[in-house]
């Protein structure tokens, strides 16, 4: 490593430490015994490992119910966004029609709009349609949040797939649908995985809409809402709170580890040569 790159390496290391240290401290606290957590002098490495806090979190009232609610709304919103965005992205990337540029502009505007600005409009819509305190409404909101990004991302992946592949399939006797299903869709798998990963993380971690729309019915809460009141349930039991936060992080980590190896667009390069 040259001296010129040393400041860049130090900056990268600093950013990594700042980003990772809170997560490390959360996991460390989750495994610490209560006496070590309440010690006047903090320790930055575990001296004794304890799983008592995880048992407290798992056996807390409603833990698995809220876990199921989060999975249902997150996966449901992502699947809806993928289905709609795939059709919209194909129309934008492969077809020429009147109003196409205006549609793309509106998608970018929707993507740049802060989610917080939509809290009041979505609350009014949910209230007027009698959809307050329902998981179906929260699923639709997560669908709405992730849809613009999914369209833009899939449009980029579709643009990277050569049109010659589809035209060759059409010459060989395939219909437009068959060419898409047999040629384009397999090559689009990395794009679908990357967008689904982003959408799942966004929906899984979302708090504001869930706290506003699913606030009255306790059984319809999601994990972020339940986690925000977890410390009130257990008082000063920070170990149980950090254990619950660690368990809350596990599904996102597993999804990322499962998909990160295939979230690349390089697979399309080999398709042309083959």
C-alpha atoms as a PDB file:
ATOM      1  CA  UNK A   1       0.000   0.000   0.000  1.00  0.00           C
ATOM      2  CA  UNK A   2       1.399   3.387  -1.028  1.00  0.00           C
ATOM      3  CA  UNK A   3       1.417   6.427   1.262  1.00  0.00           C
ATOM      4  CA  UNK A   4      -1.065   8.146  -1.041  1.00  0.00           C
ATOM      5  CA  UNK A   5      -3.664   5.486  -0.346  1.00  0.00           C
ATOM      6  CA  UNK A   6      -3.114   5.503   3.410  1.00  0.00           C
ATOM      7  CA  UNK A   7      -5.605   8.361   4.094  1.00  0.00           C
ATOM      8  CA  UNK A   8      -8.227   6.578   1.986  1.00  0.00           C
ATOM      9  CA  UNK A   9      -7.641   3.321   3.832  1.00  0.00           C
ATOM     10  CA  UNK A  10      -7.849   5.083   7.184  1.00  0.00           C
ATOM     11  CA  UNK A  11     -11.084   6.823   6.157  1.00  0.00           C
ATOM     12  CA  UNK A  12     -12.587   3.524   5.037  1.00  0.00           C
ATOM     13  CA  UNK A  13     -11.581   1.900   8.321  1.00  0.00           C
ATOM     14  CA  UNK A  14     -13.076   4.789  10.301  1.00  0.00           C
ATOM     15  CA  UNK A  15     -16.378   4.581   8.426  1.00  0.00           C
ATOM     16  CA  UNK A  16     -16.468   0.813   8.972  1.00  0.00           C
ATOM     17  CA  UNK A  17     -15.873   1.179  12.708  1.00  0.00           C
ATOM     18  CA  UNK A  18     -18.498   3.908  13.084  1.00  0.00           C
ATOM     19  CA  UNK A  19     -21.070   1.824  11.175  1.00  0.00           C
ATOM     20  CA  UNK A  20     -20.306  -1.563  12.730  1.00  0.00           C
ATOM     21  CA  UNK A  21     -19.601  -0.616  16.352  1.00  0.00           C
ATOM     22  CA  UNK A  22     -23.264   0.037  17.348  1.00  0.00           C
ATOM     23  CA  UNK A  23     -24.221  -3.362  15.964  1.00  0.00           C
ATOM     24  CA  UNK A  24     -21.310  -4.987  17.789  1.00  0.00           C
ATOM     25  CA  UNK A  25     -22.301  -3.261  21.037  1.00  0.00           C
ATOM     26  CA  UNK A  26     -25.900  -4.432  20.636  1.00  0.00           C
ATOM     27  CA  UNK A  27     -24.892  -8.061  20.132  1.00  0.00           C
ATOM     28  CA  UNK A  28     -22.300  -7.854  22.912  1.00  0.00           C
ATOM     29  CA  UNK A  29     -24.874  -6.487  25.368  1.00  0.00           C
ATOM     30  CA  UNK A  30     -27.317  -9.223  24.393  1.00  0.00           C
ATOM     31  CA  UNK A  31     -24.814 -11.902  25.483  1.00  0.00           C
ATOM     32  CA  UNK A  32     -23.636 -10.130  28.635  1.00  0.00           C
ATOM     33  CA  UNK A  33     -24.992 -11.113  32.066  1.00  0.00           C
ATOM     34  CA  UNK A  34     -27.020  -8.414  33.795  1.00  0.00           C
ATOM     35  CA  UNK A  35     -24.281  -7.715  36.351  1.00  0.00           C
ATOM     36  CA  UNK A  36     -21.792  -6.966  33.555  1.00  0.00           C
ATOM     37  CA  UNK A  37     -24.258  -4.674  31.786  1.00  0.00           C
ATOM     38  CA  UNK A  38     -24.844  -2.671  34.958  1.00  0.00           C
ATOM     39  CA  UNK A  39     -21.159  -2.562  35.865  1.00  0.00           C
ATOM     40  CA  UNK A  40     -19.766   0.997  36.256  1.00  0.00           C
ATOM     41  CA  UNK A  41     -16.886   0.195  33.891  1.00  0.00           C
ATOM     42  CA  UNK A  42     -17.989  -1.104  30.481  1.00  0.00           C
ATOM     43  CA  UNK A  43     -16.104  -3.918  28.774  1.00  0.00           C
ATOM     44  CA  UNK A  44     -15.658  -4.112  25.027  1.00  0.00           C
ATOM     45  CA  UNK A  45     -15.409  -7.908  24.871  1.00  0.00           C
ATOM     46  CA  UNK A  46     -17.423 -10.643  26.577  1.00  0.00           C
ATOM     47  CA  UNK A  47     -16.006 -12.083  29.771  1.00  0.00           C
ATOM     48  CA  UNK A  48     -19.002 -14.355  30.388  1.00  0.00           C
ATOM     49  CA  UNK A  49     -21.552 -15.455  27.793  1.00  0.00           C
ATOM     50  CA  UNK A  50     -25.191 -15.696  28.844  1.00  0.00           C
ATOM     51  CA  UNK A  51     -28.287 -16.669  26.856  1.00  0.00           C
ATOM     52  CA  UNK A  52     -30.763 -15.608  29.536  1.00  0.00           C
ATOM     53  CA  UNK A  53     -31.671 -12.395  27.736  1.00  0.00           C
ATOM     54  CA  UNK A  54     -32.563 -14.280  24.566  1.00  0.00           C
ATOM     55  CA  UNK A  55     -34.830 -16.588  26.549  1.00  0.00           C
ATOM     56  CA  UNK A  56     -36.534 -13.547  28.074  1.00  0.00           C
ATOM     57  CA  UNK A  57     -37.074 -11.985  24.646  1.00  0.00           C
ATOM     58  CA  UNK A  58     -38.372 -15.149  22.986  1.00  0.00           C
ATOM     59  CA  UNK A  59     -40.818 -15.878  25.813  1.00  0.00           C
ATOM     60  CA  UNK A  60     -42.092 -12.297  25.899  1.00  0.00           C
ATOM     61  CA  UNK A  61     -45.798 -11.880  25.227  1.00  0.00           C
ATOM     62  CA  UNK A  62     -46.593 -11.721  21.524  1.00  0.00           C
ATOM     63  CA  UNK A  63     -43.028 -12.124  20.250  1.00  0.00           C
ATOM     64  CA  UNK A  64     -43.784 -14.809  17.674  1.00  0.00           C
ATOM     65  CA  UNK A  65     -47.076 -13.152  16.698  1.00  0.00           C
ATOM     66  CA  UNK A  66     -45.334  -9.888  15.887  1.00  0.00           C
ATOM     67  CA  UNK A  67     -42.579 -11.806  14.112  1.00  0.00           C
ATOM     68  CA  UNK A  68     -45.209 -13.423  11.879  1.00  0.00           C
ATOM     69  CA  UNK A  69     -46.874 -10.062  11.223  1.00  0.00           C
ATOM     70  CA  UNK A  70     -43.584  -8.537  10.096  1.00  0.00           C
ATOM     71  CA  UNK A  71     -42.876 -11.450   7.767  1.00  0.00           C
ATOM     72  CA  UNK A  72     -46.355 -11.324   6.230  1.00  0.00           C
ATOM     73  CA  UNK A  73     -46.360  -7.595   5.462  1.00  0.00           C
ATOM     74  CA  UNK A  74     -42.715  -7.502   4.339  1.00  0.00           C
ATOM     75  CA  UNK A  75     -42.872 -10.494   1.992  1.00  0.00           C
ATOM     76  CA  UNK A  76     -46.329  -9.519   0.742  1.00  0.00           C
ATOM     77  CA  UNK A  77     -45.271  -5.966  -0.079  1.00  0.00           C
ATOM     78  CA  UNK A  78     -42.092  -7.136  -1.834  1.00  0.00           C
ATOM     79  CA  UNK A  79     -43.880  -9.752  -3.966  1.00  0.00           C
ATOM     80  CA  UNK A  80     -46.537  -7.261  -5.052  1.00  0.00           C
ATOM     81  CA  UNK A  81     -43.867  -4.700  -5.939  1.00  0.00           C
ATOM     82  CA  UNK A  82     -41.875  -7.234  -7.961  1.00  0.00           C
ATOM     83  CA  UNK A  83     -44.934  -8.381  -9.925  1.00  0.00           C
ATOM     84  CA  UNK A  84     -46.107  -4.878 -10.840  1.00  0.00           C
ATOM     85  CA  UNK A  85     -42.628  -3.408 -11.344  1.00  0.00           C
ATOM     86  CA  UNK A  86     -41.574  -6.236 -13.652  1.00  0.00           C
ATOM     87  CA  UNK A  87     -44.407  -5.455 -16.067  1.00  0.00           C
ATOM     88  CA  UNK A  88     -43.873  -1.695 -15.810  1.00  0.00           C
ATOM     89  CA  UNK A  89     -40.103  -1.965 -16.274  1.00  0.00           C
ATOM     90  CA  UNK A  90     -40.528  -4.188 -19.327  1.00  0.00           C
ATOM     91  CA  UNK A  91     -42.950  -1.697 -20.881  1.00  0.00           C
ATOM     92  CA  UNK A  92     -40.532   1.174 -20.244  1.00  0.00           C
ATOM     93  CA  UNK A  93     -37.362  -0.618 -21.336  1.00  0.00           C
ATOM     94  CA  UNK A  94     -38.642  -2.545 -24.365  1.00  0.00           C
ATOM     95  CA  UNK A  95     -41.606  -0.597 -25.750  1.00  0.00           C
ATOM     96  CA  UNK A  96     -42.163   2.867 -27.182  1.00  0.00           C
ATOM     97  CA  UNK A  97     -45.485   4.466 -26.311  1.00  0.00           C
ATOM     98  CA  UNK A  98     -46.955   7.904 -25.822  1.00  0.00           C
ATOM     99  CA  UNK A  99     -46.379   9.253 -22.337  1.00  0.00           C
ATOM    100  CA  UNK A 100     -43.405   6.984 -21.641  1.00  0.00           C
ATOM    101  CA  UNK A 101     -41.059   9.810 -20.637  1.00  0.00           C
ATOM    102  CA  UNK A 102     -43.694  11.358 -18.400  1.00  0.00           C
ATOM    103  CA  UNK A 103     -44.245   8.006 -16.718  1.00  0.00           C
ATOM    104  CA  UNK A 104     -40.524   7.593 -16.054  1.00  0.00           C
ATOM    105  CA  UNK A 105     -40.363  11.127 -14.667  1.00  0.00           C
ATOM    106  CA  UNK A 106     -43.251  10.446 -12.296  1.00  0.00           C
ATOM    107  CA  UNK A 107     -41.559   7.252 -11.091  1.00  0.00           C
ATOM    108  CA  UNK A 108     -38.387   9.207 -10.275  1.00  0.00           C
ATOM    109  CA  UNK A 109     -40.426  11.881  -8.497  1.00  0.00           C
ATOM    110  CA  UNK A 110     -42.166   9.200  -6.426  1.00  0.00           C
ATOM    111  CA  UNK A 111     -38.809   7.640  -5.568  1.00  0.00           C
ATOM    112  CA  UNK A 112     -37.342  10.962  -4.407  1.00  0.00           C
ATOM    113  CA  UNK A 113     -40.364  11.869  -2.273  1.00  0.00           C
ATOM    114  CA  UNK A 114     -39.626  11.397   1.463  1.00  0.00           C
ATOM    115  CA  UNK A 115     -41.746   8.654   2.992  1.00  0.00           C
ATOM    116  CA  UNK A 116     -42.489  10.855   5.989  1.00  0.00           C
ATOM    117  CA  UNK A 117     -44.312  13.319   3.701  1.00  0.00           C
ATOM    118  CA  UNK A 118     -46.821  10.571   2.911  1.00  0.00           C
ATOM    119  CA  UNK A 119     -47.749   9.779   6.502  1.00  0.00           C
ATOM    120  CA  UNK A 120     -50.737  12.116   6.719  1.00  0.00           C
ATOM    121  CA  UNK A 121     -52.113  11.382   3.199  1.00  0.00           C
ATOM    122  CA  UNK A 122     -51.847   7.636   3.774  1.00  0.00           C
ATOM    123  CA  UNK A 123     -53.497   7.955   7.174  1.00  0.00           C
ATOM    124  CA  UNK A 124     -56.411   9.874   5.619  1.00  0.00           C
ATOM    125  CA  UNK A 125     -56.750   7.297   2.832  1.00  0.00           C
ATOM    126  CA  UNK A 126     -56.684   4.416   5.326  1.00  0.00           C
ATOM    127  CA  UNK A 127     -59.239   6.150   7.524  1.00  0.00           C
ATOM    128  CA  UNK A 128     -61.626   6.970   4.685  1.00  0.00           C
ATOM    129  CA  UNK A 129     -61.441   3.435   3.270  1.00  0.00           C
ATOM    130  CA  UNK A 130     -61.872   1.806   6.686  1.00  0.00           C
ATOM    131  CA  UNK A 131     -58.421   0.201   6.446  1.00  0.00           C
ATOM    132  CA  UNK A 132     -56.944   1.476   9.708  1.00  0.00           C
ATOM    133  CA  UNK A 133     -55.407  -1.125  12.024  1.00  0.00           C
ATOM    134  CA  UNK A 134     -55.226  -3.738   9.257  1.00  0.00           C
ATOM    135  CA  UNK A 135     -52.154  -5.587   8.077  1.00  0.00           C
ATOM    136  CA  UNK A 136     -53.448  -5.514   4.504  1.00  0.00           C
ATOM    137  CA  UNK A 137     -53.176  -1.714   4.476  1.00  0.00           C
ATOM    138  CA  UNK A 138     -49.634  -1.876   5.811  1.00  0.00           C
ATOM    139  CA  UNK A 139     -48.758  -4.402   3.096  1.00  0.00           C
ATOM    140  CA  UNK A 140     -50.077  -2.017   0.437  1.00  0.00           C
ATOM    141  CA  UNK A 141     -48.046   0.822   1.934  1.00  0.00           C
ATOM    142  CA  UNK A 142     -44.839  -1.221   1.786  1.00  0.00           C
ATOM    143  CA  UNK A 143     -45.755  -2.107  -1.804  1.00  0.00           C
ATOM    144  CA  UNK A 144     -46.104   1.606  -2.560  1.00  0.00           C
ATOM    145  CA  UNK A 145     -42.800   2.470  -0.852  1.00  0.00           C
ATOM    146  CA  UNK A 146     -40.709  -0.122  -2.678  1.00  0.00           C
ATOM    147  CA  UNK A 147     -42.426   0.088  -6.097  1.00  0.00           C
ATOM    148  CA  UNK A 148     -40.602   3.161  -7.580  1.00  0.00           C
ATOM    149  CA  UNK A 149     -37.142   1.857  -6.703  1.00  0.00           C
ATOM    150  CA  UNK A 150     -38.042  -1.590  -8.022  1.00  0.00           C
ATOM    151  CA  UNK A 151     -39.197  -0.169 -11.356  1.00  0.00           C
ATOM    152  CA  UNK A 152     -36.065   1.930 -11.795  1.00  0.00           C
ATOM    153  CA  UNK A 153     -33.745  -0.926 -10.852  1.00  0.00           C
ATOM    154  CA  UNK A 154     -35.427  -3.554 -13.024  1.00  0.00           C
ATOM    155  CA  UNK A 155     -35.485  -1.088 -15.921  1.00  0.00           C
ATOM    156  CA  UNK A 156     -31.708  -0.820 -15.655  1.00  0.00           C
ATOM    157  CA  UNK A 157     -31.270  -4.594 -15.592  1.00  0.00           C
ATOM    158  CA  UNK A 158     -33.603  -5.040 -18.562  1.00  0.00           C
ATOM    159  CA  UNK A 159     -31.664  -2.403 -20.467  1.00  0.00           C
ATOM    160  CA  UNK A 160     -28.467  -4.407 -19.909  1.00  0.00           C
ATOM    161  CA  UNK A 161     -29.975  -7.530 -21.506  1.00  0.00           C
ATOM    162  CA  UNK A 162     -29.397  -7.395 -25.285  1.00  0.00           C
ATOM    163  CA  UNK A 163     -32.550  -7.157 -27.377  1.00  0.00           C
ATOM    164  CA  UNK A 164     -30.881  -9.515 -29.878  1.00  0.00           C
ATOM    165  CA  UNK A 165     -31.570 -12.423 -27.523  1.00  0.00           C
ATOM    166  CA  UNK A 166     -35.312 -11.801 -27.637  1.00  0.00           C
ATOM    167  CA  UNK A 167     -35.286 -11.230 -31.390  1.00  0.00           C
ATOM    168  CA  UNK A 168     -33.421 -14.497 -31.928  1.00  0.00           C
ATOM    169  CA  UNK A 169     -36.027 -16.300 -29.826  1.00  0.00           C
ATOM    170  CA  UNK A 170     -38.831 -14.699 -31.855  1.00  0.00           C
ATOM    171  CA  UNK A 171     -37.167 -15.831 -35.091  1.00  0.00           C
ATOM    172  CA  UNK A 172     -36.987 -19.364 -33.698  1.00  0.00           C
ATOM    173  CA  UNK A 173     -40.755 -19.379 -33.237  1.00  0.00           C
ATOM    174  CA  UNK A 174     -41.249 -18.144 -29.663  1.00  0.00           C
ATOM    175  CA  UNK A 175     -43.988 -15.697 -28.845  1.00  0.00           C
ATOM    176  CA  UNK A 176     -43.224 -12.463 -26.994  1.00  0.00           C
ATOM    177  CA  UNK A 177     -44.311 -14.022 -23.707  1.00  0.00           C
ATOM    178  CA  UNK A 178     -42.308 -17.203 -24.309  1.00  0.00           C
ATOM    179  CA  UNK A 179     -39.199 -15.210 -25.213  1.00  0.00           C
ATOM    180  CA  UNK A 180     -39.523 -13.225 -22.023  1.00  0.00           C
ATOM    181  CA  UNK A 181     -40.125 -16.294 -19.862  1.00  0.00           C
ATOM    182  CA  UNK A 182     -37.372 -18.457 -21.370  1.00  0.00           C
ATOM    183  CA  UNK A 183     -34.701 -15.881 -22.233  1.00  0.00           C
ATOM    184  CA  UNK A 184     -35.140 -12.601 -20.371  1.00  0.00           C
ATOM    185  CA  UNK A 185     -36.544 -13.788 -17.060  1.00  0.00           C
ATOM    186  CA  UNK A 186     -33.614 -16.136 -16.180  1.00  0.00           C
ATOM    187  CA  UNK A 187     -31.116 -13.366 -17.001  1.00  0.00           C
ATOM    188  CA  UNK A 188     -33.126 -10.958 -14.882  1.00  0.00           C
ATOM    189  CA  UNK A 189     -32.723 -13.092 -11.739  1.00  0.00           C
ATOM    190  CA  UNK A 190     -29.890 -10.943 -10.263  1.00  0.00           C
ATOM    191  CA  UNK A 191     -32.024  -7.827 -10.659  1.00  0.00           C
ATOM    192  CA  UNK A 192     -35.003  -9.486  -9.016  1.00  0.00           C
ATOM    193  CA  UNK A 193     -32.844 -10.613  -6.121  1.00  0.00           C
ATOM    194  CA  UNK A 194     -31.229  -7.231  -5.545  1.00  0.00           C
ATOM    195  CA  UNK A 195     -34.532  -5.370  -5.617  1.00  0.00           C
ATOM    196  CA  UNK A 196     -36.241  -7.938  -3.416  1.00  0.00           C
ATOM    197  CA  UNK A 197     -33.378  -7.650  -0.930  1.00  0.00           C
ATOM    198  CA  UNK A 198     -33.725  -3.875  -0.775  1.00  0.00           C
ATOM    199  CA  UNK A 199     -37.504  -4.082  -0.521  1.00  0.00           C
ATOM    200  CA  UNK A 200     -37.421  -6.669   2.242  1.00  0.00           C
ATOM    201  CA  UNK A 201     -34.927  -4.677   4.309  1.00  0.00           C
ATOM    202  CA  UNK A 202     -36.974  -1.505   3.839  1.00  0.00           C
ATOM    203  CA  UNK A 203     -40.262  -3.117   4.829  1.00  0.00           C
ATOM    204  CA  UNK A 204     -38.774  -5.149   7.679  1.00  0.00           C
ATOM    205  CA  UNK A 205     -37.189  -2.109   9.337  1.00  0.00           C
ATOM    206  CA  UNK A 206     -40.036   0.357   8.693  1.00  0.00           C
ATOM    207  CA  UNK A 207     -41.470   1.903  11.851  1.00  0.00           C
ATOM    208  CA  UNK A 208     -43.343   5.150  11.147  1.00  0.00           C
ATOM    209  CA  UNK A 209     -46.237   3.774   9.075  1.00  0.00           C
ATOM    210  CA  UNK A 210     -46.635   0.706  11.283  1.00  0.00           C
ATOM    211  CA  UNK A 211     -46.699   2.850  14.398  1.00  0.00           C
ATOM    212  CA  UNK A 212     -49.255   5.241  12.907  1.00  0.00           C
ATOM    213  CA  UNK A 213     -51.619   2.805  11.191  1.00  0.00           C
ATOM    214  CA  UNK A 214     -51.299  -0.296  13.401  1.00  0.00           C
ATOM    215  CA  UNK A 215     -51.388   1.350  16.793  1.00  0.00           C
ATOM    216  CA  UNK A 216     -54.751   0.394  18.282  1.00  0.00           C
ATOM    217  CA  UNK A 217     -54.933  -3.342  17.680  1.00  0.00           C
ATOM    218  CA  UNK A 218     -52.096  -4.866  19.660  1.00  0.00           C
ATOM    219  CA  UNK A 219     -52.235  -8.210  17.836  1.00  0.00           C
ATOM    220  CA  UNK A 220     -51.517  -6.532  14.478  1.00  0.00           C
ATOM    221  CA  UNK A 221     -48.300  -4.833  15.518  1.00  0.00           C
ATOM    222  CA  UNK A 222     -45.021  -5.527  13.770  1.00  0.00           C
ATOM    223  CA  UNK A 223     -41.662  -6.182  15.370  1.00  0.00           C
ATOM    224  CA  UNK A 224     -40.328  -2.580  15.161  1.00  0.00           C
ATOM    225  CA  UNK A 225     -43.427  -1.268  16.966  1.00  0.00           C
ATOM    226  CA  UNK A 226     -43.252  -4.017  19.569  1.00  0.00           C
ATOM    227  CA  UNK A 227     -39.535  -3.427  20.037  1.00  0.00           C
ATOM    228  CA  UNK A 228     -40.084   0.274  20.714  1.00  0.00           C
ATOM    229  CA  UNK A 229     -42.226  -0.610  23.746  1.00  0.00           C
ATOM    230  CA  UNK A 230     -40.096  -3.555  24.839  1.00  0.00           C
ATOM    231  CA  UNK A 231     -38.040  -1.528  27.316  1.00  0.00           C
ATOM    232  CA  UNK A 232     -41.228  -0.274  28.934  1.00  0.00           C
ATOM    233  CA  UNK A 233     -42.393  -3.850  29.466  1.00  0.00           C
ATOM    234  CA  UNK A 234     -39.165  -4.957  31.090  1.00  0.00           C
ATOM    235  CA  UNK A 235     -38.135  -1.699  32.738  1.00  0.00           C
ATOM    236  CA  UNK A 236     -34.357  -1.357  32.708  1.00  0.00           C
ATOM    237  CA  UNK A 237     -33.643  -4.816  31.314  1.00  0.00           C
ATOM    238  CA  UNK A 238     -31.332  -3.617  28.555  1.00  0.00           C
ATOM    239  CA  UNK A 239     -30.002  -7.114  28.022  1.00  0.00           C
ATOM    240  CA  UNK A 240     -33.431  -8.400  26.962  1.00  0.00           C
ATOM    241  CA  UNK A 241     -33.936  -5.327  24.779  1.00  0.00           C
ATOM    242  CA  UNK A 242     -30.630  -5.882  22.991  1.00  0.00           C
ATOM    243  CA  UNK A 243     -31.369  -9.591  22.636  1.00  0.00           C
ATOM    244  CA  UNK A 244     -34.710  -8.787  21.019  1.00  0.00           C
ATOM    245  CA  UNK A 245     -32.960  -6.306  18.698  1.00  0.00           C
ATOM    246  CA  UNK A 246     -30.404  -8.960  17.740  1.00  0.00           C
ATOM    247  CA  UNK A 247     -33.151 -11.455  16.930  1.00  0.00           C
ATOM    248  CA  UNK A 248     -34.891  -8.734  14.944  1.00  0.00           C
ATOM    249  CA  UNK A 249     -31.741  -8.361  12.836  1.00  0.00           C
ATOM    250  CA  UNK A 250     -31.367 -12.082  12.068  1.00  0.00           C
ATOM    251  CA  UNK A 251     -33.898 -12.425   9.169  1.00  0.00           C
ATOM    252  CA  UNK A 252     -32.396  -9.501   7.254  1.00  0.00           C
ATOM    253  CA  UNK A 253     -28.913 -10.901   7.784  1.00  0.00           C
ATOM    254  CA  UNK A 254     -29.967 -14.348   6.552  1.00  0.00           C
ATOM    255  CA  UNK A 255     -31.671 -12.906   3.465  1.00  0.00           C
ATOM    256  CA  UNK A 256     -28.580 -10.849   2.672  1.00  0.00           C
ATOM    257  CA  UNK A 257     -26.220 -13.801   3.094  1.00  0.00           C
ATOM    258  CA  UNK A 258     -28.454 -15.939   0.890  1.00  0.00           C
ATOM    259  CA  UNK A 259     -28.704 -13.395  -1.932  1.00  0.00           C
ATOM    260  CA  UNK A 260     -25.516 -11.345  -1.809  1.00  0.00           C
ATOM    261  CA  UNK A 261     -23.519 -13.812  -3.897  1.00  0.00           C
ATOM    262  CA  UNK A 262     -25.958 -13.501  -6.810  1.00  0.00           C
ATOM    263  CA  UNK A 263     -26.810  -9.799  -6.658  1.00  0.00           C
ATOM    264  CA  UNK A 264     -24.630  -8.892  -9.624  1.00  0.00           C
ATOM    265  CA  UNK A 265     -25.386  -8.072 -13.203  1.00  0.00           C
ATOM    266  CA  UNK A 266     -22.316  -9.770 -14.644  1.00  0.00           C
ATOM    267  CA  UNK A 267     -24.323 -12.870 -15.558  1.00  0.00           C
ATOM    268  CA  UNK A 268     -25.716 -11.046 -18.604  1.00  0.00           C
ATOM    269  CA  UNK A 269     -22.247 -10.722 -20.121  1.00  0.00           C
ATOM    270  CA  UNK A 270     -21.945 -14.472 -20.606  1.00  0.00           C
ATOM    271  CA  UNK A 271     -25.371 -14.724 -22.217  1.00  0.00           C
ATOM    272  CA  UNK A 272     -24.289 -12.835 -25.347  1.00  0.00           C
ATOM    273  CA  UNK A 273     -21.144 -14.876 -25.838  1.00  0.00           C
ATOM    274  CA  UNK A 274     -22.930 -18.193 -25.271  1.00  0.00           C
END
